[in-house]
Amino acid sequence: MTPDIENAKTVQAWLKGLEDQSGVSRDEGLQRVAVLQDFCALVDKEPDQIIAECLREVEGGKKIRAKGRRFYADRITEFESRIGGGTGEKRQMGNYIRSFLIHNGVLLQTSPLS
């Protein structure tokens, strides 16, 4: 795992999207990248690999791979269950990962908190 995932193409797209759409500062975005790095360690993948496993090229653009999206949705739920903190904090950390996927074209929904 690259210690500095900040320079990955998909991470740069995410950070730009956070800033442009939500006004998230670069420093706050980098705090979210640290959470993404923990998630990447869990799944043993680089950010660009995660997105590549969730999208495929088709004529006219990209299409979501349902199997990849489902796999990572399940891994996010697993990630939330493994990290420390209260239910709200765990969901927020999971939402950072969901945000990364969404900003890179992989639409996800959250499941109800258990």
N, C-alpha and C. Protein backbone atom coordinates (compact mmCIF):
# COMPACT_ATOMS: atom_id res chain seq x y z
N MET A 1 0.86 -1.18 0.00
CA MET A 1 0.00 0.00 0.00
C MET A 1 0.89 1.24 0.00
N THR A 2 0.64 2.12 -0.92
CA THR A 2 1.39 3.37 -1.01
C THR A 2 1.07 4.23 0.21
N PRO A 3 2.11 4.70 0.94
CA PRO A 3 1.83 5.51 2.12
C PRO A 3 1.17 6.84 1.78
N ASP A 4 1.38 7.35 0.58
CA ASP A 4 0.82 8.65 0.20
C ASP A 4 -0.20 8.45 -0.92
N ILE A 5 -1.41 8.05 -0.55
CA ILE A 5 -2.44 7.80 -1.56
C ILE A 5 -3.06 9.09 -2.07
N GLU A 6 -2.71 10.18 -1.45
CA GLU A 6 -3.27 11.49 -1.81
C GLU A 6 -3.09 11.80 -3.30
N ASN A 7 -2.04 11.29 -3.92
CA ASN A 7 -1.75 11.61 -5.31
C ASN A 7 -2.45 10.70 -6.31
N ALA A 8 -3.19 9.70 -5.85
CA ALA A 8 -3.91 8.82 -6.77
C ALA A 8 -4.95 9.63 -7.54
N LYS A 9 -5.14 9.29 -8.80
CA LYS A 9 -6.08 10.02 -9.66
C LYS A 9 -7.48 10.07 -9.04
N THR A 10 -7.95 8.96 -8.52
CA THR A 10 -9.30 8.91 -7.96
C THR A 10 -9.41 9.71 -6.67
N VAL A 11 -8.34 9.76 -5.90
CA VAL A 11 -8.34 10.55 -4.66
C VAL A 11 -8.33 12.04 -5.01
N GLN A 12 -7.57 12.42 -6.02
CA GLN A 12 -7.56 13.81 -6.46
C GLN A 12 -8.94 14.24 -6.95
N ALA A 13 -9.63 13.36 -7.69
CA ALA A 13 -10.99 13.67 -8.15
C ALA A 13 -11.92 13.85 -6.96
N TRP A 14 -11.78 13.01 -5.97
CA TRP A 14 -12.60 13.10 -4.76
C TRP A 14 -12.37 14.41 -4.03
N LEU A 15 -11.09 14.73 -3.79
CA LEU A 15 -10.76 15.97 -3.07
C LEU A 15 -11.28 17.20 -3.81
N LYS A 16 -11.13 17.20 -5.12
CA LYS A 16 -11.62 18.33 -5.92
C LYS A 16 -13.15 18.41 -5.81
N GLY A 17 -13.82 17.29 -5.91
CA GLY A 17 -15.27 17.27 -5.79
C GLY A 17 -15.74 17.74 -4.43
N LEU A 18 -15.06 17.31 -3.38
CA LEU A 18 -15.42 17.74 -2.03
C LEU A 18 -15.31 19.26 -1.90
N GLU A 19 -14.22 19.79 -2.42
CA GLU A 19 -14.01 21.24 -2.32
C GLU A 19 -15.01 22.01 -3.18
N ASP A 20 -15.18 21.57 -4.43
CA ASP A 20 -16.05 22.29 -5.36
C ASP A 20 -17.53 22.20 -4.97
N GLN A 21 -17.97 21.02 -4.54
CA GLN A 21 -19.40 20.80 -4.30
C GLN A 21 -19.83 21.06 -2.86
N SER A 22 -18.91 20.83 -1.92
CA SER A 22 -19.30 20.91 -0.51
C SER A 22 -18.51 21.95 0.28
N GLY A 23 -17.51 22.56 -0.33
CA GLY A 23 -16.71 23.55 0.37
C GLY A 23 -15.80 22.95 1.43
N VAL A 24 -15.50 21.65 1.30
CA VAL A 24 -14.62 20.98 2.26
C VAL A 24 -13.19 21.47 2.01
N SER A 25 -12.54 21.94 3.07
CA SER A 25 -11.17 22.45 2.94
C SER A 25 -10.21 21.31 2.61
N ARG A 26 -9.07 21.68 2.08
CA ARG A 26 -8.04 20.68 1.74
C ARG A 26 -7.63 19.90 2.98
N ASP A 27 -7.44 20.58 4.11
CA ASP A 27 -7.04 19.89 5.34
C ASP A 27 -8.09 18.88 5.79
N GLU A 28 -9.36 19.29 5.74
CA GLU A 28 -10.42 18.37 6.13
C GLU A 28 -10.50 17.20 5.14
N GLY A 29 -10.31 17.50 3.87
CA GLY A 29 -10.28 16.44 2.86
C GLY A 29 -9.18 15.44 3.13
N LEU A 30 -8.01 15.92 3.53
CA LEU A 30 -6.90 15.03 3.82
C LEU A 30 -7.17 14.17 5.05
N GLN A 31 -7.96 14.68 6.00
CA GLN A 31 -8.37 13.86 7.14
C GLN A 31 -9.24 12.71 6.65
N ARG A 32 -10.08 12.99 5.67
CA ARG A 32 -10.92 11.93 5.10
C ARG A 32 -10.08 10.92 4.32
N VAL A 33 -9.02 11.40 3.68
CA VAL A 33 -8.12 10.51 2.95
C VAL A 33 -7.47 9.52 3.92
N ALA A 34 -7.17 9.96 5.13
CA ALA A 34 -6.60 9.06 6.14
C ALA A 34 -7.56 7.92 6.44
N VAL A 35 -8.86 8.21 6.48
CA VAL A 35 -9.87 7.16 6.69
C VAL A 35 -9.88 6.22 5.48
N LEU A 36 -9.82 6.79 4.28
CA LEU A 36 -9.76 5.97 3.07
C LEU A 36 -8.54 5.06 3.09
N GLN A 37 -7.43 5.57 3.58
CA GLN A 37 -6.22 4.76 3.64
C GLN A 37 -6.43 3.55 4.56
N ASP A 38 -7.11 3.75 5.68
CA ASP A 38 -7.42 2.64 6.58
C ASP A 38 -8.31 1.62 5.87
N PHE A 39 -9.28 2.11 5.12
CA PHE A 39 -10.17 1.21 4.38
C PHE A 39 -9.38 0.44 3.32
N CYS A 40 -8.50 1.13 2.62
CA CYS A 40 -7.67 0.47 1.60
C CYS A 40 -6.82 -0.64 2.21
N ALA A 41 -6.34 -0.41 3.42
CA ALA A 41 -5.57 -1.45 4.12
C ALA A 41 -6.46 -2.66 4.41
N LEU A 42 -7.70 -2.41 4.80
CA LEU A 42 -8.63 -3.51 5.07
C LEU A 42 -8.84 -4.38 3.84
N VAL A 43 -9.06 -3.75 2.70
CA VAL A 43 -9.36 -4.50 1.48
C VAL A 43 -8.09 -4.83 0.67
N ASP A 44 -6.94 -4.33 1.12
CA ASP A 44 -5.65 -4.56 0.46
C ASP A 44 -5.67 -4.14 -1.01
N LYS A 45 -6.20 -2.92 -1.24
CA LYS A 45 -6.28 -2.36 -2.59
C LYS A 45 -5.91 -0.89 -2.55
N GLU A 46 -5.40 -0.40 -3.67
CA GLU A 46 -5.15 1.02 -3.85
C GLU A 46 -6.48 1.67 -4.26
N PRO A 47 -6.66 2.98 -4.02
CA PRO A 47 -7.91 3.64 -4.39
C PRO A 47 -8.28 3.47 -5.87
N ASP A 48 -7.31 3.63 -6.76
CA ASP A 48 -7.59 3.49 -8.19
C ASP A 48 -8.06 2.07 -8.53
N GLN A 49 -7.53 1.06 -7.83
CA GLN A 49 -7.96 -0.32 -8.05
C GLN A 49 -9.41 -0.52 -7.62
N ILE A 50 -9.78 0.09 -6.51
CA ILE A 50 -11.15 -0.03 -6.01
C ILE A 50 -12.13 0.48 -7.06
N ILE A 51 -11.85 1.66 -7.60
CA ILE A 51 -12.74 2.24 -8.60
C ILE A 51 -12.74 1.39 -9.87
N ALA A 52 -11.58 0.91 -10.29
CA ALA A 52 -11.50 0.07 -11.49
C ALA A 52 -12.32 -1.21 -11.33
N GLU A 53 -12.41 -1.73 -10.12
CA GLU A 53 -13.20 -2.95 -9.89
C GLU A 53 -14.70 -2.66 -9.85
N CYS A 54 -15.06 -1.40 -9.74
CA CYS A 54 -16.48 -1.02 -9.66
C CYS A 54 -17.03 -0.46 -10.97
N LEU A 55 -16.17 -0.14 -11.92
CA LEU A 55 -16.60 0.44 -13.19
C LEU A 55 -16.00 -0.34 -14.35
N ARG A 56 -16.72 -0.35 -15.46
CA ARG A 56 -16.16 -0.94 -16.67
C ARG A 56 -16.45 -0.03 -17.84
N GLU A 57 -15.57 -0.07 -18.81
CA GLU A 57 -15.72 0.75 -20.01
C GLU A 57 -16.76 0.12 -20.92
N VAL A 58 -17.67 0.95 -21.39
CA VAL A 58 -18.65 0.54 -22.40
C VAL A 58 -18.68 1.61 -23.47
N GLU A 59 -19.30 1.29 -24.58
CA GLU A 59 -19.41 2.28 -25.63
C GLU A 59 -20.16 3.49 -25.08
N GLY A 60 -19.54 4.62 -25.15
CA GLY A 60 -20.18 5.85 -24.66
C GLY A 60 -19.83 6.21 -23.24
N GLY A 61 -18.95 5.48 -22.58
CA GLY A 61 -18.56 5.86 -21.22
C GLY A 61 -18.28 4.68 -20.31
N LYS A 62 -18.68 4.82 -19.07
CA LYS A 62 -18.43 3.79 -18.06
C LYS A 62 -19.75 3.32 -17.48
N LYS A 63 -19.74 2.08 -17.03
CA LYS A 63 -20.92 1.49 -16.42
C LYS A 63 -20.50 0.84 -15.10
N ILE A 64 -21.38 0.91 -14.13
CA ILE A 64 -21.09 0.33 -12.82
C ILE A 64 -21.13 -1.19 -12.91
N ARG A 65 -20.13 -1.83 -12.31
CA ARG A 65 -20.12 -3.28 -12.16
C ARG A 65 -20.87 -3.60 -10.86
N ALA A 66 -22.03 -4.20 -10.98
CA ALA A 66 -22.86 -4.48 -9.80
C ALA A 66 -22.11 -5.34 -8.78
N LYS A 67 -21.38 -6.32 -9.25
CA LYS A 67 -20.66 -7.22 -8.35
C LYS A 67 -19.60 -6.45 -7.55
N GLY A 68 -18.85 -5.56 -8.21
CA GLY A 68 -17.84 -4.76 -7.53
C GLY A 68 -18.46 -3.80 -6.54
N ARG A 69 -19.55 -3.15 -6.95
CA ARG A 69 -20.22 -2.22 -6.06
C ARG A 69 -20.74 -2.94 -4.82
N ARG A 70 -21.35 -4.09 -5.02
CA ARG A 70 -21.88 -4.88 -3.91
C ARG A 70 -20.75 -5.32 -2.97
N PHE A 71 -19.63 -5.75 -3.55
CA PHE A 71 -18.48 -6.17 -2.75
C PHE A 71 -18.00 -5.03 -1.85
N TYR A 72 -17.84 -3.84 -2.42
CA TYR A 72 -17.33 -2.72 -1.63
C TYR A 72 -18.37 -2.17 -0.67
N ALA A 73 -19.64 -2.24 -1.01
CA ALA A 73 -20.68 -1.85 -0.05
C ALA A 73 -20.61 -2.75 1.18
N ASP A 74 -20.40 -4.05 0.95
CA ASP A 74 -20.25 -4.99 2.08
C ASP A 74 -18.98 -4.71 2.88
N ARG A 75 -17.89 -4.36 2.19
CA ARG A 75 -16.63 -4.08 2.89
C ARG A 75 -16.76 -2.80 3.72
N ILE A 76 -17.53 -1.83 3.25
CA ILE A 76 -17.74 -0.61 4.03
C ILE A 76 -18.48 -0.94 5.31
N THR A 77 -19.49 -1.79 5.22
CA THR A 77 -20.23 -2.22 6.41
C THR A 77 -19.29 -2.93 7.38
N GLU A 78 -18.43 -3.77 6.84
CA GLU A 78 -17.44 -4.47 7.67
C GLU A 78 -16.49 -3.47 8.33
N PHE A 79 -16.03 -2.49 7.55
CA PHE A 79 -15.14 -1.45 8.05
C PHE A 79 -15.79 -0.70 9.21
N GLU A 80 -17.06 -0.32 9.03
CA GLU A 80 -17.78 0.38 10.09
C GLU A 80 -17.84 -0.45 11.38
N SER A 81 -17.98 -1.75 11.24
CA SER A 81 -18.09 -2.60 12.43
C SER A 81 -16.74 -2.78 13.13
N ARG A 82 -15.66 -2.58 12.41
CA ARG A 82 -14.32 -2.81 12.98
C ARG A 82 -13.70 -1.58 13.64
N ILE A 83 -14.13 -0.39 13.22
CA ILE A 83 -13.48 0.81 13.74
C ILE A 83 -14.10 1.21 15.07
N GLY A 84 -13.34 1.96 15.84
CA GLY A 84 -13.81 2.42 17.13
C GLY A 84 -14.75 3.60 17.02
N GLY A 85 -15.40 3.92 18.13
CA GLY A 85 -16.28 5.07 18.19
C GLY A 85 -17.73 4.65 18.31
N GLY A 86 -18.56 5.67 18.43
CA GLY A 86 -19.99 5.44 18.53
C GLY A 86 -20.59 5.14 17.17
N THR A 87 -21.86 4.80 17.18
CA THR A 87 -22.56 4.44 15.94
C THR A 87 -22.49 5.57 14.92
N GLY A 88 -22.72 6.80 15.36
CA GLY A 88 -22.67 7.95 14.45
C GLY A 88 -21.29 8.16 13.86
N GLU A 89 -20.26 8.00 14.67
CA GLU A 89 -18.88 8.17 14.18
C GLU A 89 -18.54 7.09 13.16
N LYS A 90 -18.96 5.86 13.45
CA LYS A 90 -18.69 4.76 12.53
C LYS A 90 -19.38 5.00 11.20
N ARG A 91 -20.63 5.46 11.25
CA ARG A 91 -21.36 5.74 10.01
C ARG A 91 -20.68 6.86 9.25
N GLN A 92 -20.20 7.89 9.95
CA GLN A 92 -19.53 9.00 9.28
C GLN A 92 -18.28 8.52 8.55
N MET A 93 -17.51 7.66 9.19
CA MET A 93 -16.30 7.13 8.55
C MET A 93 -16.67 6.30 7.31
N GLY A 94 -17.72 5.50 7.44
CA GLY A 94 -18.21 4.74 6.29
C GLY A 94 -18.68 5.66 5.17
N ASN A 95 -19.32 6.76 5.56
CA ASN A 95 -19.79 7.72 4.57
C ASN A 95 -18.64 8.40 3.83
N TYR A 96 -17.50 8.55 4.47
CA TYR A 96 -16.33 9.08 3.76
C TYR A 96 -15.96 8.14 2.62
N ILE A 97 -15.99 6.84 2.88
CA ILE A 97 -15.64 5.87 1.84
C ILE A 97 -16.71 5.89 0.74
N ARG A 98 -17.96 5.96 1.14
CA ARG A 98 -19.04 6.04 0.16
C ARG A 98 -18.88 7.30 -0.70
N SER A 99 -18.51 8.40 -0.08
CA SER A 99 -18.28 9.66 -0.79
C SER A 99 -17.18 9.49 -1.83
N PHE A 100 -16.10 8.81 -1.45
CA PHE A 100 -15.00 8.55 -2.39
C PHE A 100 -15.53 7.81 -3.61
N LEU A 101 -16.31 6.77 -3.38
CA LEU A 101 -16.86 5.99 -4.49
C LEU A 101 -17.81 6.84 -5.34
N ILE A 102 -18.69 7.57 -4.70
CA ILE A 102 -19.68 8.37 -5.41
C ILE A 102 -19.01 9.45 -6.27
N HIS A 103 -18.01 10.11 -5.72
CA HIS A 103 -17.31 11.16 -6.48
C HIS A 103 -16.55 10.59 -7.67
N ASN A 104 -16.36 9.28 -7.68
CA ASN A 104 -15.69 8.63 -8.79
C ASN A 104 -16.65 7.83 -9.66
N GLY A 105 -17.95 8.11 -9.52
CA GLY A 105 -18.94 7.53 -10.42
C GLY A 105 -19.59 6.23 -9.98
N VAL A 106 -19.34 5.80 -8.74
CA VAL A 106 -19.92 4.56 -8.23
C VAL A 106 -20.99 4.93 -7.22
N LEU A 107 -22.25 4.88 -7.64
CA LEU A 107 -23.35 5.28 -6.77
C LEU A 107 -23.67 4.18 -5.77
N LEU A 108 -23.83 4.59 -4.51
CA LEU A 108 -24.12 3.67 -3.41
C LEU A 108 -25.25 4.23 -2.56
N GLN A 109 -25.90 3.34 -1.85
CA GLN A 109 -26.86 3.74 -0.83
C GLN A 109 -26.40 3.17 0.48
N THR A 110 -26.77 3.83 1.57
CA THR A 110 -26.43 3.30 2.88
C THR A 110 -27.53 2.38 3.36
N SER A 111 -27.15 1.46 4.19
CA SER A 111 -28.14 0.59 4.82
C SER A 111 -28.51 1.21 6.17
N PRO A 112 -29.65 0.84 6.72
CA PRO A 112 -30.03 1.37 8.03
C PRO A 112 -29.00 1.01 9.09
N LEU A 113 -28.82 1.88 10.06
CA LEU A 113 -27.91 1.59 11.17
C LEU A 113 -28.49 0.45 11.99
N SER A 114 -27.61 -0.47 12.41
CA SER A 114 -28.12 -1.58 13.23
C SER A 114 -27.75 -1.40 14.67
